[in-house]
Amino acid sequence: MPKLKSHSASKKRFIITGTGKVKRNKAYKTHILTKKSTKRKRNLRKPALASDANAAIIKQMLPYK
C-alpha cells in the first residue's frame, strides 16, 4: 500500500497527545485585541482539546502522528 500524505495545514495547527487526544489553539486571538478584555485574551492563550467529532477527522488528516 502506498504512503499517505499528511495534510500540511493540519500539521501546523494540531498536536496529537500521548493518549490520542487532539490539542488545538483557540481562535480570536490575532487582531482587534483592544476591545477584548485582558482576562479574555489570557484565557485564549491556553490550548484546548478538539471535540471527538472533529478529532476523528483531524486524525485522518495526520496518519503518522
Protein backbone atom coordinates (compact mmCIF):
# COMPACT_ATOMS: atom_id res chain seq x y z
CA MET A 1 0.00 0.00 0.00
CA PRO A 2 1.39 3.48 -0.83
CA LYS A 3 2.29 6.04 1.78
CA LEU A 4 -0.39 8.55 2.75
CA LYS A 5 0.25 12.27 2.60
CA SER A 6 -0.24 14.31 5.75
CA HIS A 7 -2.36 17.44 5.50
CA SER A 8 0.17 20.28 5.70
CA ALA A 9 -2.13 22.86 7.33
CA SER A 10 -3.19 20.34 9.98
CA LYS A 11 0.45 19.55 10.82
CA LYS A 12 0.94 23.21 11.74
CA ARG A 13 -2.25 23.56 13.79
CA PHE A 14 -2.79 20.34 15.75
CA ILE A 15 -0.79 18.12 18.09
CA ILE A 16 -1.78 14.57 18.97
CA THR A 17 -1.22 13.92 22.68
CA GLY A 18 0.17 10.72 24.14
CA THR A 19 -3.34 9.49 24.97
CA GLY A 20 -4.55 10.15 21.41
CA LYS A 21 -6.46 13.37 22.02
CA VAL A 22 -6.07 16.34 19.66
CA LYS A 23 -4.73 19.58 21.11
CA ARG A 24 -5.52 22.87 19.34
CA ASN A 25 -5.11 26.58 19.88
CA LYS A 26 -8.08 28.83 20.48
CA ALA A 27 -9.41 31.23 17.86
CA TYR A 28 -9.99 35.03 18.07
CA LYS A 29 -6.50 35.93 19.33
CA THR A 30 -4.96 37.54 16.22
CA HIS A 31 -6.38 41.03 15.72
CA ILE A 32 -8.84 43.61 17.12
CA LEU A 33 -7.46 42.93 20.58
CA THR A 34 -8.12 46.39 22.04
CA LYS A 35 -11.81 45.73 22.68
CA LYS A 36 -11.18 42.32 24.26
CA SER A 37 -10.63 42.20 27.99
CA THR A 38 -7.30 41.13 29.49
CA LYS A 39 -8.98 38.13 31.11
CA ARG A 40 -10.47 37.03 27.79
CA LYS A 41 -7.13 37.35 25.98
CA ARG A 42 -5.35 35.46 28.77
CA ASN A 43 -7.84 32.58 28.53
CA LEU A 44 -7.40 32.44 24.75
CA ARG A 45 -3.69 31.68 25.27
CA LYS A 46 -4.40 28.30 26.82
CA PRO A 47 -4.64 25.31 24.48
CA ALA A 48 -7.88 23.35 24.19
CA LEU A 49 -8.85 19.87 23.09
CA ALA A 50 -10.72 19.30 19.83
CA SER A 51 -14.16 17.73 20.11
CA ASP A 52 -14.44 14.00 19.49
CA ALA A 53 -16.19 14.51 16.15
CA ASN A 54 -13.51 16.89 14.88
CA ALA A 55 -10.68 14.83 16.38
CA ALA A 56 -11.62 11.83 14.25
CA ILE A 57 -11.35 13.93 11.07
CA ILE A 58 -8.07 15.53 12.18
CA LYS A 59 -6.55 12.11 12.89
CA GLN A 60 -7.37 11.05 9.32
CA MET A 61 -5.51 14.11 8.04
CA LEU A 62 -2.48 13.22 10.21
CA PRO A 63 -1.99 9.48 9.61
CA TYR A 64 1.55 9.24 11.04
CA LYS A 65 1.23 11.31 14.21
